[in-house]
């Protein structure tokens, strides 16, 4: 599985851009940009190179970790999937492209789309000396309009971008993304109830258009979770000194919560159950909430069932498991 930490090439490129960049200035800019994102302003708050660097320093590690975790789940379910080309929608500084390049050595061509010129410039700067991102193109434009001109790709990724557009546009964008998907579409959103809701709407719409879920769901049916519960996962990542400074954080790690769905053109043969929360371990049993092909299940594995108990002790939130509920 691919590491959730930024790859060495990207770290080196980002560090080079950050030399002499004030961490206190970055912290202030990052806080302002985060507020604009929360208020629905999207990437419009990123207007200068300093803004783009602050955003990359504050958000690139967590976004990369979440996309990588989603791609790892896809690779686990479809180990033979070897896409040759990638389309990254709302690519920003290219975070998802770097994650996909690490997860799929087969990728040869990388097409990125984003409306923000400043983030486009940063993405191309970071990729300039990469040994992986040779055939890279980056088109400027609003997602739906830019997609109309884009070539279809075997792997299409949209990470942390659907929430930047209105609900009326989201349905049209989902359909256009699916039109451009020759094999698999991955959509990643924040692991909030709102992010999950956007994933569910897109999931249902594209299943109705013939898509099949590859991950995380073990079925194409309606999500069995009921509010206030929602499907999300978490990925822990280590914080660098600069990352801690710009985030104003003390802990050496960060837990990024995310929701995602990977949709494929063809039915997926092997879809194991999914652990939906960290299992509870007691002296007598392990209790785990699973999404199974038959729906939601609370699985209890007694300590006396030694082989099964030993296996269940290794289960972690987000894992795919073959055990029956």
C-alpha atoms as a PDB file:
ATOM      1  CA  UNK A   1       0.000   0.000   0.000  1.00  0.00           C
ATOM      2  CA  UNK A   2       1.110   3.530  -0.757  1.00  0.00           C
ATOM      3  CA  UNK A   3       2.318   5.614   2.187  1.00  0.00           C
ATOM      4  CA  UNK A   4       0.043   8.492   3.273  1.00  0.00           C
ATOM      5  CA  UNK A   5       3.091  10.791   3.566  1.00  0.00           C
ATOM      6  CA  UNK A   6       4.032  13.132   0.738  1.00  0.00           C
ATOM      7  CA  UNK A   7       6.516  11.455  -1.644  1.00  0.00           C
ATOM      8  CA  UNK A   8      10.155  12.546  -1.489  1.00  0.00           C
ATOM      9  CA  UNK A   9      10.052  14.357  -4.847  1.00  0.00           C
ATOM     10  CA  UNK A  10       7.039  16.419  -3.839  1.00  0.00           C
ATOM     11  CA  UNK A  11       8.491  17.206  -0.406  1.00  0.00           C
ATOM     12  CA  UNK A  12      11.720  18.410  -1.990  1.00  0.00           C
ATOM     13  CA  UNK A  13       9.902  20.552  -4.556  1.00  0.00           C
ATOM     14  CA  UNK A  14       7.614  22.067  -1.912  1.00  0.00           C
ATOM     15  CA  UNK A  15      10.526  22.710   0.472  1.00  0.00           C
ATOM     16  CA  UNK A  16      12.346  24.501  -2.317  1.00  0.00           C
ATOM     17  CA  UNK A  17       9.381  26.804  -2.884  1.00  0.00           C
ATOM     18  CA  UNK A  18       9.057  27.460   0.863  1.00  0.00           C
ATOM     19  CA  UNK A  19      12.636  28.654   1.452  1.00  0.00           C
ATOM     20  CA  UNK A  20      12.447  32.102   2.971  1.00  0.00           C
ATOM     21  CA  UNK A  21       8.654  31.951   3.234  1.00  0.00           C
ATOM     22  CA  UNK A  22       7.425  33.327   6.574  1.00  0.00           C
ATOM     23  CA  UNK A  23       5.639  30.664   8.599  1.00  0.00           C
ATOM     24  CA  UNK A  24       3.677  33.292  10.546  1.00  0.00           C
ATOM     25  CA  UNK A  25       2.527  34.869   7.289  1.00  0.00           C
ATOM     26  CA  UNK A  26       1.625  31.398   5.991  1.00  0.00           C
ATOM     27  CA  UNK A  27      -0.399  30.675   9.130  1.00  0.00           C
ATOM     28  CA  UNK A  28      -2.422  33.870   8.742  1.00  0.00           C
ATOM     29  CA  UNK A  29      -3.034  33.274   5.054  1.00  0.00           C
ATOM     30  CA  UNK A  30      -3.970  29.624   5.630  1.00  0.00           C
ATOM     31  CA  UNK A  31      -6.501  30.577   8.316  1.00  0.00           C
ATOM     32  CA  UNK A  32      -8.112  33.145   6.015  1.00  0.00           C
ATOM     33  CA  UNK A  33      -8.255  30.699   3.111  1.00  0.00           C
ATOM     34  CA  UNK A  34      -9.756  27.987   5.331  1.00  0.00           C
ATOM     35  CA  UNK A  35     -12.498  30.367   6.466  1.00  0.00           C
ATOM     36  CA  UNK A  36     -13.309  31.245   2.853  1.00  0.00           C
ATOM     37  CA  UNK A  37     -13.546  27.522   2.001  1.00  0.00           C
ATOM     38  CA  UNK A  38     -15.866  26.900   4.973  1.00  0.00           C
ATOM     39  CA  UNK A  39     -18.057  29.817   3.871  1.00  0.00           C
ATOM     40  CA  UNK A  40     -18.356  28.345   0.360  1.00  0.00           C
ATOM     41  CA  UNK A  41     -15.892  30.643  -1.380  1.00  0.00           C
ATOM     42  CA  UNK A  42     -13.736  27.825  -2.737  1.00  0.00           C
ATOM     43  CA  UNK A  43     -10.309  28.604  -4.168  1.00  0.00           C
ATOM     44  CA  UNK A  44     -11.220  32.207  -4.965  1.00  0.00           C
ATOM     45  CA  UNK A  45      -9.298  33.286  -1.861  1.00  0.00           C
ATOM     46  CA  UNK A  46      -6.045  32.045  -3.428  1.00  0.00           C
ATOM     47  CA  UNK A  47      -4.819  34.944  -5.532  1.00  0.00           C
ATOM     48  CA  UNK A  48      -1.045  35.112  -5.065  1.00  0.00           C
ATOM     49  CA  UNK A  49       1.924  32.754  -4.949  1.00  0.00           C
ATOM     50  CA  UNK A  50       2.095  33.309  -1.180  1.00  0.00           C
ATOM     51  CA  UNK A  51      -1.587  32.301  -0.864  1.00  0.00           C
ATOM     52  CA  UNK A  52      -0.972  29.160  -2.916  1.00  0.00           C
ATOM     53  CA  UNK A  53       2.074  28.192  -0.844  1.00  0.00           C
ATOM     54  CA  UNK A  54       0.194  28.736   2.410  1.00  0.00           C
ATOM     55  CA  UNK A  55      -2.643  26.574   1.136  1.00  0.00           C
ATOM     56  CA  UNK A  56      -0.249  23.854  -0.013  1.00  0.00           C
ATOM     57  CA  UNK A  57       1.616  23.851   3.296  1.00  0.00           C
ATOM     58  CA  UNK A  58      -1.582  23.691   5.339  1.00  0.00           C
ATOM     59  CA  UNK A  59      -3.736  21.356   3.236  1.00  0.00           C
ATOM     60  CA  UNK A  60      -1.601  19.340   0.805  1.00  0.00           C
ATOM     61  CA  UNK A  61      -0.443  16.720   3.366  1.00  0.00           C
ATOM     62  CA  UNK A  62      -3.953  15.916   4.602  1.00  0.00           C
ATOM     63  CA  UNK A  63      -5.529  15.934   1.142  1.00  0.00           C
ATOM     64  CA  UNK A  64      -2.763  13.692  -0.170  1.00  0.00           C
ATOM     65  CA  UNK A  65      -3.257  11.287   2.753  1.00  0.00           C
ATOM     66  CA  UNK A  66      -7.025  11.051   2.204  1.00  0.00           C
ATOM     67  CA  UNK A  67      -6.741  10.519  -1.551  1.00  0.00           C
ATOM     68  CA  UNK A  68      -3.996   7.939  -1.022  1.00  0.00           C
ATOM     69  CA  UNK A  69      -6.120   6.036   1.491  1.00  0.00           C
ATOM     70  CA  UNK A  70      -8.996   5.985  -1.014  1.00  0.00           C
ATOM     71  CA  UNK A  71      -6.710   4.806  -3.815  1.00  0.00           C
ATOM     72  CA  UNK A  72      -5.256   2.115  -1.545  1.00  0.00           C
ATOM     73  CA  UNK A  73      -8.780   0.800  -0.951  1.00  0.00           C
ATOM     74  CA  UNK A  74      -9.381   0.740  -4.703  1.00  0.00           C
ATOM     75  CA  UNK A  75      -6.093  -1.081  -5.355  1.00  0.00           C
ATOM     76  CA  UNK A  76      -6.951  -3.660  -2.693  1.00  0.00           C
ATOM     77  CA  UNK A  77     -10.291  -4.416  -4.338  1.00  0.00           C
ATOM     78  CA  UNK A  78      -8.954  -4.260  -7.912  1.00  0.00           C
ATOM     79  CA  UNK A  79      -5.274  -5.300  -7.793  1.00  0.00           C
ATOM     80  CA  UNK A  80      -5.173  -5.800 -11.572  1.00  0.00           C
ATOM     81  CA  UNK A  81      -6.353  -2.263 -12.395  1.00  0.00           C
ATOM     82  CA  UNK A  82      -3.471  -0.536 -14.218  1.00  0.00           C
ATOM     83  CA  UNK A  83      -4.669   2.745 -15.749  1.00  0.00           C
ATOM     84  CA  UNK A  84      -2.506   4.474 -18.322  1.00  0.00           C
ATOM     85  CA  UNK A  85      -4.029   7.964 -18.116  1.00  0.00           C
ATOM     86  CA  UNK A  86      -5.430  10.209 -15.391  1.00  0.00           C
ATOM     87  CA  UNK A  87      -7.863  13.131 -15.451  1.00  0.00           C
ATOM     88  CA  UNK A  88      -7.694  15.219 -12.241  1.00  0.00           C
ATOM     89  CA  UNK A  89     -10.708  17.551 -11.939  1.00  0.00           C
ATOM     90  CA  UNK A  90     -10.366  20.596  -9.693  1.00  0.00           C
ATOM     91  CA  UNK A  91      -6.727  19.650  -9.394  1.00  0.00           C
ATOM     92  CA  UNK A  92      -5.512  22.642  -7.375  1.00  0.00           C
ATOM     93  CA  UNK A  93      -1.776  22.228  -6.678  1.00  0.00           C
ATOM     94  CA  UNK A  94      -1.877  18.706  -8.144  1.00  0.00           C
ATOM     95  CA  UNK A  95      -2.221  16.788  -4.886  1.00  0.00           C
ATOM     96  CA  UNK A  96      -4.430  13.979  -6.213  1.00  0.00           C
ATOM     97  CA  UNK A  97      -2.228  13.620  -9.298  1.00  0.00           C
ATOM     98  CA  UNK A  98       0.819  12.968  -7.118  1.00  0.00           C
ATOM     99  CA  UNK A  99      -1.174  10.437  -5.061  1.00  0.00           C
ATOM    100  CA  UNK A 100      -2.387   8.615  -8.174  1.00  0.00           C
ATOM    101  CA  UNK A 101       1.133   8.544  -9.637  1.00  0.00           C
ATOM    102  CA  UNK A 102       2.374   6.814  -6.470  1.00  0.00           C
ATOM    103  CA  UNK A 103      -0.537   4.367  -6.292  1.00  0.00           C
ATOM    104  CA  UNK A 104      -0.445   3.435  -9.996  1.00  0.00           C
ATOM    105  CA  UNK A 105       3.039   3.095 -11.545  1.00  0.00           C
ATOM    106  CA  UNK A 106       1.209   2.269 -14.799  1.00  0.00           C
ATOM    107  CA  UNK A 107       0.086   5.901 -15.239  1.00  0.00           C
ATOM    108  CA  UNK A 108       1.834   7.625 -18.125  1.00  0.00           C
ATOM    109  CA  UNK A 109      -0.315  10.670 -18.965  1.00  0.00           C
ATOM    110  CA  UNK A 110      -1.681  13.218 -16.498  1.00  0.00           C
ATOM    111  CA  UNK A 111      -4.314  15.813 -17.392  1.00  0.00           C
ATOM    112  CA  UNK A 112      -5.272  18.385 -14.745  1.00  0.00           C
ATOM    113  CA  UNK A 113      -8.129  20.912 -14.730  1.00  0.00           C
ATOM    114  CA  UNK A 114      -8.720  23.895 -12.441  1.00  0.00           C
ATOM    115  CA  UNK A 115     -10.052  27.432 -12.713  1.00  0.00           C
ATOM    116  CA  UNK A 116      -7.381  28.955 -10.441  1.00  0.00           C
ATOM    117  CA  UNK A 117      -4.323  30.219 -12.362  1.00  0.00           C
ATOM    118  CA  UNK A 118      -2.238  30.603  -9.199  1.00  0.00           C
ATOM    119  CA  UNK A 119      -2.713  26.979  -8.158  1.00  0.00           C
ATOM    120  CA  UNK A 120      -2.071  25.875 -11.745  1.00  0.00           C
ATOM    121  CA  UNK A 121       1.280  27.691 -11.725  1.00  0.00           C
ATOM    122  CA  UNK A 122       2.257  26.116  -8.400  1.00  0.00           C
ATOM    123  CA  UNK A 123       1.273  22.637  -9.596  1.00  0.00           C
ATOM    124  CA  UNK A 124       3.422  22.926 -12.707  1.00  0.00           C
ATOM    125  CA  UNK A 125       6.345  24.288 -10.670  1.00  0.00           C
ATOM    126  CA  UNK A 126       6.138  21.370  -8.230  1.00  0.00           C
ATOM    127  CA  UNK A 127       6.030  18.836 -11.078  1.00  0.00           C
ATOM    128  CA  UNK A 128       8.768  20.433 -13.193  1.00  0.00           C
ATOM    129  CA  UNK A 129      11.627  18.171 -12.047  1.00  0.00           C
ATOM    130  CA  UNK A 130       9.551  15.090 -11.275  1.00  0.00           C
ATOM    131  CA  UNK A 131      10.742  11.756 -12.642  1.00  0.00           C
ATOM    132  CA  UNK A 132       7.121  10.520 -12.664  1.00  0.00           C
ATOM    133  CA  UNK A 133       5.011  13.370 -13.988  1.00  0.00           C
ATOM    134  CA  UNK A 134       6.498  13.593 -17.479  1.00  0.00           C
ATOM    135  CA  UNK A 135       3.441  13.868 -19.716  1.00  0.00           C
ATOM    136  CA  UNK A 136       1.476  16.420 -17.734  1.00  0.00           C
ATOM    137  CA  UNK A 137      -0.974  18.991 -19.066  1.00  0.00           C
ATOM    138  CA  UNK A 138      -2.906  21.523 -16.993  1.00  0.00           C
ATOM    139  CA  UNK A 139      -5.901  23.313 -18.495  1.00  0.00           C
ATOM    140  CA  UNK A 140      -7.495  26.350 -16.914  1.00  0.00           C
ATOM    141  CA  UNK A 141     -11.269  26.550 -16.619  1.00  0.00           C
ATOM    142  CA  UNK A 142     -14.370  26.004 -14.554  1.00  0.00           C
ATOM    143  CA  UNK A 143     -14.829  22.264 -14.070  1.00  0.00           C
ATOM    144  CA  UNK A 144     -17.921  21.639 -16.194  1.00  0.00           C
ATOM    145  CA  UNK A 145     -16.788  23.797 -19.114  1.00  0.00           C
ATOM    146  CA  UNK A 146     -13.212  22.478 -19.020  1.00  0.00           C
ATOM    147  CA  UNK A 147     -14.463  18.892 -18.920  1.00  0.00           C
ATOM    148  CA  UNK A 148     -16.333  19.410 -22.159  1.00  0.00           C
ATOM    149  CA  UNK A 149     -12.980  19.813 -23.934  1.00  0.00           C
ATOM    150  CA  UNK A 150     -11.049  17.184 -21.965  1.00  0.00           C
ATOM    151  CA  UNK A 151     -10.207  13.730 -23.253  1.00  0.00           C
ATOM    152  CA  UNK A 152     -11.653  10.741 -21.431  1.00  0.00           C
ATOM    153  CA  UNK A 153      -9.302   8.838 -19.119  1.00  0.00           C
ATOM    154  CA  UNK A 154      -9.138   5.411 -17.561  1.00  0.00           C
ATOM    155  CA  UNK A 155      -8.913   6.962 -14.081  1.00  0.00           C
ATOM    156  CA  UNK A 156     -10.771  10.168 -13.232  1.00  0.00           C
ATOM    157  CA  UNK A 157     -10.328  11.809  -9.816  1.00  0.00           C
ATOM    158  CA  UNK A 158     -12.184  14.694  -8.178  1.00  0.00           C
ATOM    159  CA  UNK A 159     -10.978  15.451  -4.665  1.00  0.00           C
ATOM    160  CA  UNK A 160     -12.351  18.063  -2.268  1.00  0.00           C
ATOM    161  CA  UNK A 161     -13.990  20.057  -5.049  1.00  0.00           C
ATOM    162  CA  UNK A 162     -17.678  19.171  -5.411  1.00  0.00           C
ATOM    163  CA  UNK A 163     -18.545  21.262  -2.372  1.00  0.00           C
ATOM    164  CA  UNK A 164     -17.170  24.343  -4.140  1.00  0.00           C
ATOM    165  CA  UNK A 165     -20.103  24.428  -6.590  1.00  0.00           C
ATOM    166  CA  UNK A 166     -23.833  24.777  -6.070  1.00  0.00           C
ATOM    167  CA  UNK A 167     -26.207  21.846  -5.760  1.00  0.00           C
ATOM    168  CA  UNK A 168     -27.758  22.577  -9.151  1.00  0.00           C
ATOM    169  CA  UNK A 169     -24.340  22.225 -10.791  1.00  0.00           C
ATOM    170  CA  UNK A 170     -23.318  19.096  -8.926  1.00  0.00           C
ATOM    171  CA  UNK A 171     -25.653  16.743 -10.804  1.00  0.00           C
ATOM    172  CA  UNK A 172     -24.497  18.006 -14.207  1.00  0.00           C
ATOM    173  CA  UNK A 173     -20.865  17.766 -13.110  1.00  0.00           C
ATOM    174  CA  UNK A 174     -21.340  14.175 -11.889  1.00  0.00           C
ATOM    175  CA  UNK A 175     -22.783  13.146 -15.244  1.00  0.00           C
ATOM    176  CA  UNK A 176     -20.018  14.914 -17.186  1.00  0.00           C
ATOM    177  CA  UNK A 177     -17.309  13.292 -15.033  1.00  0.00           C
ATOM    178  CA  UNK A 178     -18.839   9.885 -15.675  1.00  0.00           C
ATOM    179  CA  UNK A 179     -18.922  10.578 -19.427  1.00  0.00           C
ATOM    180  CA  UNK A 180     -15.169  11.214 -19.271  1.00  0.00           C
ATOM    181  CA  UNK A 181     -14.488   8.028 -17.280  1.00  0.00           C
ATOM    182  CA  UNK A 182     -13.387   5.083 -19.403  1.00  0.00           C
ATOM    183  CA  UNK A 183     -12.950   2.798 -16.400  1.00  0.00           C
ATOM    184  CA  UNK A 184     -12.986   4.214 -12.848  1.00  0.00           C
ATOM    185  CA  UNK A 185     -14.048   7.460 -11.171  1.00  0.00           C
ATOM    186  CA  UNK A 186     -12.860   8.331  -7.648  1.00  0.00           C
ATOM    187  CA  UNK A 187     -14.531  11.156  -5.722  1.00  0.00           C
ATOM    188  CA  UNK A 188     -13.190  12.253  -2.323  1.00  0.00           C
ATOM    189  CA  UNK A 189     -14.883  14.792  -0.054  1.00  0.00           C
ATOM    190  CA  UNK A 190     -14.407  15.992   3.539  1.00  0.00           C
ATOM    191  CA  UNK A 191     -15.564  13.417   6.101  1.00  0.00           C
ATOM    192  CA  UNK A 192     -18.424  15.575   7.337  1.00  0.00           C
ATOM    193  CA  UNK A 193     -22.165  14.898   7.115  1.00  0.00           C
ATOM    194  CA  UNK A 194     -22.330  17.414   4.257  1.00  0.00           C
ATOM    195  CA  UNK A 195     -19.399  15.817   2.423  1.00  0.00           C
ATOM    196  CA  UNK A 196     -20.948  12.368   2.842  1.00  0.00           C
ATOM    197  CA  UNK A 197     -24.299  13.679   1.579  1.00  0.00           C
ATOM    198  CA  UNK A 198     -22.648  14.937  -1.608  1.00  0.00           C
ATOM    199  CA  UNK A 199     -20.993  11.559  -2.117  1.00  0.00           C
ATOM    200  CA  UNK A 200     -24.308   9.723  -1.651  1.00  0.00           C
ATOM    201  CA  UNK A 201     -26.171  11.932  -4.146  1.00  0.00           C
ATOM    202  CA  UNK A 202     -23.445  11.421  -6.751  1.00  0.00           C
ATOM    203  CA  UNK A 203     -23.245   7.679  -5.991  1.00  0.00           C
ATOM    204  CA  UNK A 204     -26.978   7.153  -6.463  1.00  0.00           C
ATOM    205  CA  UNK A 205     -27.076   9.213  -9.644  1.00  0.00           C
ATOM    206  CA  UNK A 206     -24.201   7.375 -11.311  1.00  0.00           C
ATOM    207  CA  UNK A 207     -25.406   3.925 -10.252  1.00  0.00           C
ATOM    208  CA  UNK A 208     -28.648   4.817 -12.015  1.00  0.00           C
ATOM    209  CA  UNK A 209     -26.506   5.546 -15.086  1.00  0.00           C
ATOM    210  CA  UNK A 210     -24.887   2.110 -14.935  1.00  0.00           C
ATOM    211  CA  UNK A 211     -21.931   2.588 -12.570  1.00  0.00           C
ATOM    212  CA  UNK A 212     -20.828  -0.093 -10.099  1.00  0.00           C
ATOM    213  CA  UNK A 213     -19.280   0.656  -6.703  1.00  0.00           C
ATOM    214  CA  UNK A 214     -15.719  -0.618  -6.305  1.00  0.00           C
ATOM    215  CA  UNK A 215     -15.060   0.900  -2.859  1.00  0.00           C
ATOM    216  CA  UNK A 216     -15.820   1.463  -0.053  1.00  0.00           C
ATOM    217  CA  UNK A 217     -19.280  -0.113  -0.358  1.00  0.00           C
ATOM    218  CA  UNK A 218     -19.614  -3.901  -0.825  1.00  0.00           C
ATOM    219  CA  UNK A 219     -22.828  -3.403  -2.823  1.00  0.00           C
ATOM    220  CA  UNK A 220     -24.595  -1.075  -5.267  1.00  0.00           C
ATOM    221  CA  UNK A 221     -27.655  -0.720  -3.050  1.00  0.00           C
ATOM    222  CA  UNK A 222     -28.852   2.185  -0.940  1.00  0.00           C
ATOM    223  CA  UNK A 223     -26.533   3.237   1.871  1.00  0.00           C
ATOM    224  CA  UNK A 224     -27.834   1.510   5.031  1.00  0.00           C
ATOM    225  CA  UNK A 225     -26.695   4.239   7.439  1.00  0.00           C
ATOM    226  CA  UNK A 226     -29.289   6.496   9.006  1.00  0.00           C
ATOM    227  CA  UNK A 227     -28.768  10.050  10.276  1.00  0.00           C
ATOM    228  CA  UNK A 228     -27.141  11.216  12.459  1.00  0.00           C
ATOM    229  CA  UNK A 229     -24.653   8.499  11.414  1.00  0.00           C
ATOM    230  CA  UNK A 230     -22.689   8.954   8.201  1.00  0.00           C
ATOM    231  CA  UNK A 231     -20.037   7.020   6.295  1.00  0.00           C
ATOM    232  CA  UNK A 232     -16.552   8.448   6.700  1.00  0.00           C
ATOM    233  CA  UNK A 233     -13.028   7.276   7.381  1.00  0.00           C
ATOM    234  CA  UNK A 234      -9.864   8.644   8.944  1.00  0.00           C
ATOM    235  CA  UNK A 235      -6.219   8.688   7.924  1.00  0.00           C
ATOM    236  CA  UNK A 236      -3.427   9.622  10.319  1.00  0.00           C
ATOM    237  CA  UNK A 237      -0.480  11.553   8.905  1.00  0.00           C
ATOM    238  CA  UNK A 238       2.692  12.887  10.470  1.00  0.00           C
ATOM    239  CA  UNK A 239       3.134  16.647  10.694  1.00  0.00           C
ATOM    240  CA  UNK A 240       6.398  18.292   9.720  1.00  0.00           C
ATOM    241  CA  UNK A 241       7.707  21.169  11.818  1.00  0.00           C
ATOM    242  CA  UNK A 242       6.540  23.654   9.173  1.00  0.00           C
ATOM    243  CA  UNK A 243       3.116  21.993   9.035  1.00  0.00           C
ATOM    244  CA  UNK A 244       2.730  22.312  12.816  1.00  0.00           C
ATOM    245  CA  UNK A 245       3.770  25.954  12.659  1.00  0.00           C
ATOM    246  CA  UNK A 246       1.309  26.925   9.964  1.00  0.00           C
ATOM    247  CA  UNK A 247      -1.529  24.971  11.611  1.00  0.00           C
ATOM    248  CA  UNK A 248      -0.709  26.287  15.090  1.00  0.00           C
ATOM    249  CA  UNK A 249      -0.646  22.676  16.276  1.00  0.00           C
ATOM    250  CA  UNK A 250       1.237  20.890  19.045  1.00  0.00           C
ATOM    251  CA  UNK A 251       0.553  17.260  18.169  1.00  0.00           C
ATOM    252  CA  UNK A 252       3.059  15.590  15.816  1.00  0.00           C
ATOM    253  CA  UNK A 253       0.224  14.043  13.799  1.00  0.00           C
ATOM    254  CA  UNK A 254      -3.106  14.917  12.229  1.00  0.00           C
ATOM    255  CA  UNK A 255      -6.173  12.732  11.626  1.00  0.00           C
ATOM    256  CA  UNK A 256      -7.882  13.619   8.361  1.00  0.00           C
ATOM    257  CA  UNK A 257     -11.501  12.534   8.041  1.00  0.00           C
ATOM    258  CA  UNK A 258     -12.843  11.931   4.559  1.00  0.00           C
ATOM    259  CA  UNK A 259     -15.671  10.298   2.609  1.00  0.00           C
ATOM    260  CA  UNK A 260     -15.178   8.736  -0.808  1.00  0.00           C
ATOM    261  CA  UNK A 261     -16.586   6.506  -3.502  1.00  0.00           C
ATOM    262  CA  UNK A 262     -14.869   4.698  -6.378  1.00  0.00           C
ATOM    263  CA  UNK A 263     -17.194   3.809  -9.256  1.00  0.00           C
ATOM    264  CA  UNK A 264     -16.311   1.441 -12.103  1.00  0.00           C
ATOM    265  CA  UNK A 265     -17.761   0.775 -15.542  1.00  0.00           C
ATOM    266  CA  UNK A 266     -17.751  -3.008 -15.025  1.00  0.00           C
ATOM    267  CA  UNK A 267     -19.135  -4.967 -12.071  1.00  0.00           C
ATOM    268  CA  UNK A 268     -16.514  -5.688  -9.404  1.00  0.00           C
ATOM    269  CA  UNK A 269     -16.169  -9.393  -8.664  1.00  0.00           C
ATOM    270  CA  UNK A 270     -14.745  -9.178  -5.157  1.00  0.00           C
ATOM    271  CA  UNK A 271     -16.350  -6.746  -2.739  1.00  0.00           C
ATOM    272  CA  UNK A 272     -15.643  -7.589   0.906  1.00  0.00           C
ATOM    273  CA  UNK A 273     -17.374  -6.017   3.875  1.00  0.00           C
ATOM    274  CA  UNK A 274     -16.058  -2.688   5.191  1.00  0.00           C
ATOM    275  CA  UNK A 275     -15.275  -1.675   8.797  1.00  0.00           C
ATOM    276  CA  UNK A 276     -17.208   1.547   9.427  1.00  0.00           C
ATOM    277  CA  UNK A 277     -15.718   2.526  12.804  1.00  0.00           C
ATOM    278  CA  UNK A 278     -12.827   1.530  15.017  1.00  0.00           C
ATOM    279  CA  UNK A 279     -13.776  -1.868  16.525  1.00  0.00           C
ATOM    280  CA  UNK A 280     -14.398  -2.027  20.278  1.00  0.00           C
ATOM    281  CA  UNK A 281     -12.124  -4.537  22.016  1.00  0.00           C
ATOM    282  CA  UNK A 282     -13.130  -5.951  25.411  1.00  0.00           C
ATOM    283  CA  UNK A 283     -12.014  -8.889  27.547  1.00  0.00           C
ATOM    284  CA  UNK A 284     -14.733 -11.117  26.115  1.00  0.00           C
ATOM    285  CA  UNK A 285     -15.182 -10.028  22.491  1.00  0.00           C
ATOM    286  CA  UNK A 286     -14.497  -7.660  19.636  1.00  0.00           C
ATOM    287  CA  UNK A 287     -17.493  -5.706  18.341  1.00  0.00           C
ATOM    288  CA  UNK A 288     -17.259  -4.177  14.882  1.00  0.00           C
ATOM    289  CA  UNK A 289     -19.727  -2.199  12.768  1.00  0.00           C
ATOM    290  CA  UNK A 290     -19.559  -3.529   9.219  1.00  0.00           C
ATOM    291  CA  UNK A 291     -21.155  -2.600   5.934  1.00  0.00           C
ATOM    292  CA  UNK A 292     -21.772  -5.983   4.296  1.00  0.00           C
ATOM    293  CA  UNK A 293     -23.243  -7.068   0.945  1.00  0.00           C
ATOM    294  CA  UNK A 294     -26.467  -7.694   2.865  1.00  0.00           C
ATOM    295  CA  UNK A 295     -26.448  -4.326   4.669  1.00  0.00           C
ATOM    296  CA  UNK A 296     -25.332  -2.946   8.021  1.00  0.00           C
ATOM    297  CA  UNK A 297     -24.223  -5.459  10.668  1.00  0.00           C
ATOM    298  CA  UNK A 298     -22.753  -5.361  14.167  1.00  0.00           C
ATOM    299  CA  UNK A 299     -20.351  -8.299  14.208  1.00  0.00           C
ATOM    300  CA  UNK A 300     -19.199  -9.739  17.545  1.00  0.00           C
ATOM    301  CA  UNK A 301     -16.224 -12.065  17.657  1.00  0.00           C
ATOM    302  CA  UNK A 302     -15.871 -13.868  21.017  1.00  0.00           C
ATOM    303  CA  UNK A 303     -12.452 -14.296  22.561  1.00  0.00           C
ATOM    304  CA  UNK A 304     -12.976 -18.049  22.768  1.00  0.00           C
ATOM    305  CA  UNK A 305     -12.993 -18.213  18.935  1.00  0.00           C
ATOM    306  CA  UNK A 306      -9.228 -17.807  18.951  1.00  0.00           C
ATOM    307  CA  UNK A 307      -8.389 -17.764  15.194  1.00  0.00           C
ATOM    308  CA  UNK A 308     -11.295 -15.437  14.357  1.00  0.00           C
ATOM    309  CA  UNK A 309     -10.541 -13.236  17.370  1.00  0.00           C
ATOM    310  CA  UNK A 310      -6.889 -12.911  16.354  1.00  0.00           C
ATOM    311  CA  UNK A 311      -7.962 -11.843  12.875  1.00  0.00           C
ATOM    312  CA  UNK A 312     -10.547  -9.364  14.189  1.00  0.00           C
ATOM    313  CA  UNK A 313      -7.946  -7.749  16.470  1.00  0.00           C
ATOM    314  CA  UNK A 314      -6.176  -6.564  13.326  1.00  0.00           C
ATOM    315  CA  UNK A 315      -9.276  -4.877  11.922  1.00  0.00           C
ATOM    316  CA  UNK A 316      -9.044  -1.110  11.650  1.00  0.00           C
ATOM    317  CA  UNK A 317     -11.550   1.562  10.688  1.00  0.00           C
ATOM    318  CA  UNK A 318     -11.885   1.539   6.888  1.00  0.00           C
ATOM    319  CA  UNK A 319     -10.504  -1.974   6.375  1.00  0.00           C
ATOM    320  CA  UNK A 320     -11.997  -4.403   3.884  1.00  0.00           C
ATOM    321  CA  UNK A 321     -12.694  -7.752   5.584  1.00  0.00           C
ATOM    322  CA  UNK A 322     -13.803 -11.086   4.243  1.00  0.00           C
ATOM    323  CA  UNK A 323     -15.358 -12.364   7.495  1.00  0.00           C
ATOM    324  CA  UNK A 324     -19.079 -13.023   7.397  1.00  0.00           C
ATOM    325  CA  UNK A 325     -21.324 -10.904   9.530  1.00  0.00           C
END
